[in-house]
Amino acid sequence: MNYDSEQIDQNDEDADLVEERELLASLIEKLKCEIDETKNRNTLLETSNKVLVEKLKSELEYFRNKNKSLTELNNKLSKENDLLFADFMKSKAELK
């Protein structure tokens, strides 16, 4: 009877080990799938980031060019304004 009890205990332990191995194998497979999904997501995000960086560079270049043009126009207007003001002051002096 002792032998039967030991055999039953051994069978239970073996069954537990088999169940534990199956559970671990299942968890490993699930983790592999999650890792693959994460890699795919990261690849997509890297691609999206590259596209966004290029778009941002393009927009920055556009704004730099626009700012340069506006600065040049502002300088021209400022010179024109100075000339007009000088003419105004000259005319005002002549009227006195």
N, C-alpha and C. Protein backbone atom coordinates (compact mmCIF):
# COMPACT_ATOMS: atom_id res chain seq x y z
N MET A 1 0.82 -1.19 0.00
CA MET A 1 0.00 0.00 0.00
C MET A 1 0.87 1.26 0.00
N ASN A 2 1.98 1.21 0.68
CA ASN A 2 2.90 2.32 0.69
C ASN A 2 3.42 2.59 -0.71
N TYR A 3 3.71 1.51 -1.43
CA TYR A 3 4.17 1.62 -2.81
C TYR A 3 3.12 2.30 -3.68
N ASP A 4 1.86 1.92 -3.49
CA ASP A 4 0.77 2.52 -4.26
C ASP A 4 0.65 4.01 -3.94
N SER A 5 0.79 4.37 -2.70
CA SER A 5 0.71 5.77 -2.29
C SER A 5 1.85 6.57 -2.90
N GLU A 6 3.05 6.01 -2.88
CA GLU A 6 4.20 6.68 -3.48
C GLU A 6 4.03 6.80 -4.99
N GLN A 7 3.49 5.76 -5.60
CA GLN A 7 3.27 5.77 -7.05
C GLN A 7 2.23 6.84 -7.42
N ILE A 8 1.18 6.94 -6.61
CA ILE A 8 0.14 7.95 -6.85
C ILE A 8 0.74 9.34 -6.71
N ASP A 9 1.54 9.53 -5.64
CA ASP A 9 2.19 10.84 -5.44
C ASP A 9 3.10 11.18 -6.62
N GLN A 10 3.86 10.18 -7.08
CA GLN A 10 4.76 10.39 -8.22
C GLN A 10 3.96 10.73 -9.48
N ASN A 11 2.85 10.02 -9.69
CA ASN A 11 1.99 10.29 -10.84
C ASN A 11 1.42 11.71 -10.77
N ASP A 12 1.01 12.12 -9.56
CA ASP A 12 0.48 13.48 -9.37
C ASP A 12 1.56 14.52 -9.67
N GLU A 13 2.78 14.25 -9.18
CA GLU A 13 3.88 15.18 -9.44
C GLU A 13 4.20 15.24 -10.93
N ASP A 14 4.20 14.09 -11.57
CA ASP A 14 4.46 14.05 -13.01
C ASP A 14 3.38 14.82 -13.77
N ALA A 15 2.13 14.62 -13.37
CA ALA A 15 1.02 15.32 -14.03
C ALA A 15 1.15 16.83 -13.80
N ASP A 16 1.54 17.21 -12.57
CA ASP A 16 1.73 18.63 -12.28
C ASP A 16 2.86 19.21 -13.13
N LEU A 17 3.95 18.46 -13.27
CA LEU A 17 5.07 18.92 -14.09
C LEU A 17 4.68 19.07 -15.55
N VAL A 18 3.92 18.11 -16.06
CA VAL A 18 3.46 18.19 -17.45
C VAL A 18 2.58 19.42 -17.63
N GLU A 19 1.67 19.64 -16.68
CA GLU A 19 0.77 20.80 -16.75
C GLU A 19 1.58 22.09 -16.66
N GLU A 20 2.58 22.10 -15.78
CA GLU A 20 3.42 23.28 -15.63
C GLU A 20 4.22 23.55 -16.90
N ARG A 21 4.76 22.51 -17.52
CA ARG A 21 5.50 22.67 -18.78
C ARG A 21 4.59 23.22 -19.88
N GLU A 22 3.37 22.68 -19.95
CA GLU A 22 2.42 23.15 -20.97
C GLU A 22 2.07 24.61 -20.74
N LEU A 23 1.88 24.98 -19.48
CA LEU A 23 1.58 26.37 -19.15
C LEU A 23 2.76 27.27 -19.52
N LEU A 24 3.97 26.85 -19.17
CA LEU A 24 5.15 27.64 -19.52
C LEU A 24 5.32 27.75 -21.03
N ALA A 25 5.10 26.66 -21.75
CA ALA A 25 5.19 26.70 -23.21
C ALA A 25 4.17 27.67 -23.79
N SER A 26 2.96 27.66 -23.22
CA SER A 26 1.91 28.56 -23.67
C SER A 26 2.30 30.02 -23.40
N LEU A 27 2.85 30.27 -22.22
CA LEU A 27 3.27 31.63 -21.87
C LEU A 27 4.42 32.10 -22.76
N ILE A 28 5.35 31.20 -23.03
CA ILE A 28 6.47 31.55 -23.91
C ILE A 28 5.96 31.90 -25.31
N GLU A 29 5.03 31.12 -25.82
CA GLU A 29 4.46 31.40 -27.14
C GLU A 29 3.74 32.74 -27.16
N LYS A 30 3.00 33.01 -26.08
CA LYS A 30 2.28 34.28 -25.99
C LYS A 30 3.28 35.45 -25.95
N LEU A 31 4.35 35.29 -25.19
CA LEU A 31 5.36 36.35 -25.12
C LEU A 31 6.04 36.56 -26.47
N LYS A 32 6.29 35.48 -27.21
CA LYS A 32 6.87 35.61 -28.54
C LYS A 32 5.95 36.42 -29.45
N CYS A 33 4.66 36.14 -29.36
CA CYS A 33 3.68 36.89 -30.18
C CYS A 33 3.68 38.36 -29.78
N GLU A 34 3.69 38.63 -28.48
CA GLU A 34 3.70 40.01 -28.01
C GLU A 34 4.98 40.73 -28.44
N ILE A 35 6.10 40.03 -28.40
CA ILE A 35 7.37 40.62 -28.85
C ILE A 35 7.29 40.96 -30.33
N ASP A 36 6.75 40.04 -31.14
CA ASP A 36 6.61 40.30 -32.58
C ASP A 36 5.70 41.49 -32.83
N GLU A 37 4.58 41.56 -32.10
CA GLU A 37 3.66 42.68 -32.26
C GLU A 37 4.34 43.99 -31.87
N THR A 38 5.11 43.96 -30.80
CA THR A 38 5.82 45.16 -30.35
C THR A 38 6.86 45.59 -31.37
N LYS A 39 7.58 44.63 -31.95
CA LYS A 39 8.56 44.95 -32.99
C LYS A 39 7.88 45.60 -34.19
N ASN A 40 6.74 45.02 -34.60
CA ASN A 40 6.00 45.58 -35.73
C ASN A 40 5.52 46.99 -35.43
N ARG A 41 5.01 47.19 -34.21
CA ARG A 41 4.52 48.50 -33.80
C ARG A 41 5.68 49.51 -33.78
N ASN A 42 6.82 49.08 -33.25
CA ASN A 42 7.98 49.96 -33.21
C ASN A 42 8.46 50.33 -34.61
N THR A 43 8.45 49.36 -35.51
CA THR A 43 8.84 49.64 -36.89
C THR A 43 7.90 50.66 -37.52
N LEU A 44 6.61 50.49 -37.29
CA LEU A 44 5.63 51.44 -37.81
C LEU A 44 5.85 52.83 -37.22
N LEU A 45 6.10 52.88 -35.91
CA LEU A 45 6.33 54.18 -35.26
C LEU A 45 7.61 54.83 -35.76
N GLU A 46 8.65 54.05 -35.97
CA GLU A 46 9.89 54.61 -36.50
C GLU A 46 9.68 55.19 -37.89
N THR A 47 8.94 54.48 -38.72
CA THR A 47 8.64 54.97 -40.06
C THR A 47 7.82 56.26 -39.99
N SER A 48 6.81 56.25 -39.14
CA SER A 48 5.97 57.45 -38.97
C SER A 48 6.80 58.63 -38.48
N ASN A 49 7.69 58.36 -37.53
CA ASN A 49 8.54 59.42 -37.00
C ASN A 49 9.45 60.00 -38.07
N LYS A 50 10.01 59.13 -38.91
CA LYS A 50 10.87 59.61 -39.99
C LYS A 50 10.10 60.51 -40.95
N VAL A 51 8.88 60.10 -41.27
CA VAL A 51 8.03 60.91 -42.17
C VAL A 51 7.73 62.26 -41.52
N LEU A 52 7.39 62.23 -40.23
CA LEU A 52 7.08 63.47 -39.53
C LEU A 52 8.29 64.38 -39.41
N VAL A 53 9.46 63.81 -39.18
CA VAL A 53 10.69 64.61 -39.09
C VAL A 53 10.96 65.29 -40.43
N GLU A 54 10.81 64.55 -41.52
CA GLU A 54 11.03 65.13 -42.85
C GLU A 54 10.02 66.24 -43.13
N LYS A 55 8.77 66.01 -42.74
CA LYS A 55 7.74 67.04 -42.94
C LYS A 55 8.07 68.28 -42.11
N LEU A 56 8.50 68.06 -40.88
CA LEU A 56 8.86 69.18 -40.01
C LEU A 56 10.05 69.96 -40.58
N LYS A 57 11.05 69.24 -41.10
CA LYS A 57 12.19 69.91 -41.72
C LYS A 57 11.73 70.78 -42.89
N SER A 58 10.83 70.23 -43.68
CA SER A 58 10.30 70.96 -44.83
C SER A 58 9.55 72.22 -44.37
N GLU A 59 8.73 72.06 -43.35
CA GLU A 59 7.98 73.21 -42.82
C GLU A 59 8.92 74.27 -42.24
N LEU A 60 9.96 73.82 -41.54
CA LEU A 60 10.93 74.77 -40.98
C LEU A 60 11.63 75.54 -42.09
N GLU A 61 12.01 74.85 -43.14
CA GLU A 61 12.66 75.51 -44.27
C GLU A 61 11.72 76.53 -44.91
N TYR A 62 10.45 76.16 -45.04
CA TYR A 62 9.46 77.07 -45.59
C TYR A 62 9.35 78.33 -44.72
N PHE A 63 9.27 78.14 -43.40
CA PHE A 63 9.14 79.29 -42.50
C PHE A 63 10.41 80.14 -42.48
N ARG A 64 11.57 79.50 -42.58
CA ARG A 64 12.82 80.28 -42.65
C ARG A 64 12.83 81.16 -43.91
N ASN A 65 12.45 80.57 -45.03
CA ASN A 65 12.41 81.33 -46.28
C ASN A 65 11.39 82.45 -46.21
N LYS A 66 10.23 82.13 -45.64
CA LYS A 66 9.18 83.14 -45.51
C LYS A 66 9.64 84.26 -44.58
N ASN A 67 10.29 83.90 -43.49
CA ASN A 67 10.79 84.89 -42.54
C ASN A 67 11.84 85.78 -43.19
N LYS A 68 12.72 85.17 -43.98
CA LYS A 68 13.75 85.94 -44.69
C LYS A 68 13.11 86.93 -45.65
N SER A 69 12.12 86.46 -46.40
CA SER A 69 11.42 87.35 -47.35
C SER A 69 10.72 88.49 -46.62
N LEU A 70 10.06 88.16 -45.53
CA LEU A 70 9.35 89.20 -44.78
C LEU A 70 10.32 90.20 -44.15
N THR A 71 11.46 89.71 -43.70
CA THR A 71 12.47 90.61 -43.13
C THR A 71 12.99 91.57 -44.20
N GLU A 72 13.26 91.03 -45.39
CA GLU A 72 13.71 91.88 -46.50
C GLU A 72 12.65 92.92 -46.86
N LEU A 73 11.40 92.50 -46.93
CA LEU A 73 10.32 93.45 -47.23
C LEU A 73 10.18 94.49 -46.13
N ASN A 74 10.31 94.06 -44.90
CA ASN A 74 10.21 94.99 -43.78
C ASN A 74 11.33 96.03 -43.84
N ASN A 75 12.53 95.59 -44.18
CA ASN A 75 13.66 96.53 -44.32
C ASN A 75 13.40 97.54 -45.44
N LYS A 76 12.87 97.07 -46.57
CA LYS A 76 12.55 97.97 -47.68
C LYS A 76 11.48 98.98 -47.26
N LEU A 77 10.45 98.48 -46.57
CA LEU A 77 9.39 99.38 -46.12
C LEU A 77 9.91 100.39 -45.11
N SER A 78 10.81 99.94 -44.26
CA SER A 78 11.39 100.84 -43.27
C SER A 78 12.19 101.96 -43.95
N LYS A 79 12.97 101.60 -44.98
CA LYS A 79 13.72 102.61 -45.73
C LYS A 79 12.77 103.58 -46.43
N GLU A 80 11.72 103.01 -47.03
CA GLU A 80 10.72 103.85 -47.71
C GLU A 80 10.04 104.78 -46.71
N ASN A 81 9.73 104.25 -45.55
CA ASN A 81 9.10 105.04 -44.50
C ASN A 81 10.03 106.18 -44.06
N ASP A 82 11.32 105.87 -43.92
CA ASP A 82 12.29 106.91 -43.54
C ASP A 82 12.34 108.01 -44.60
N LEU A 83 12.34 107.62 -45.87
CA LEU A 83 12.35 108.61 -46.96
C LEU A 83 11.09 109.46 -46.94
N LEU A 84 9.95 108.81 -46.76
CA LEU A 84 8.68 109.56 -46.72
C LEU A 84 8.65 110.51 -45.53
N PHE A 85 9.15 110.06 -44.39
CA PHE A 85 9.17 110.91 -43.21
C PHE A 85 10.10 112.11 -43.43
N ALA A 86 11.24 111.85 -44.07
CA ALA A 86 12.18 112.94 -44.36
C ALA A 86 11.52 113.95 -45.30
N ASP A 87 10.82 113.46 -46.33
CA ASP A 87 10.09 114.35 -47.25
C ASP A 87 9.02 115.13 -46.51
N PHE A 88 8.32 114.47 -45.60
CA PHE A 88 7.27 115.13 -44.82
C PHE A 88 7.87 116.25 -43.98
N MET A 89 8.98 115.95 -43.30
CA MET A 89 9.60 116.95 -42.45
C MET A 89 10.12 118.13 -43.30
N LYS A 90 10.64 117.82 -44.48
CA LYS A 90 11.12 118.86 -45.38
C LYS A 90 9.97 119.75 -45.83
N SER A 91 8.85 119.10 -46.20
CA SER A 91 7.66 119.87 -46.63
C SER A 91 7.12 120.70 -45.49
N LYS A 92 7.12 120.14 -44.31
CA LYS A 92 6.62 120.86 -43.13
C LYS A 92 7.50 122.08 -42.86
N ALA A 93 8.79 121.92 -43.00
CA ALA A 93 9.72 123.03 -42.77
C ALA A 93 9.54 124.12 -43.82
N GLU A 94 9.28 123.69 -45.06
CA GLU A 94 9.09 124.66 -46.14
C GLU A 94 7.81 125.46 -45.95
N LEU A 95 6.80 124.86 -45.31
CA LEU A 95 5.53 125.55 -45.10
C LEU A 95 5.63 126.59 -43.99
N LYS A 96 6.60 126.53 -43.15
CA LYS A 96 6.73 127.49 -42.05
C LYS A 96 7.32 128.78 -42.47
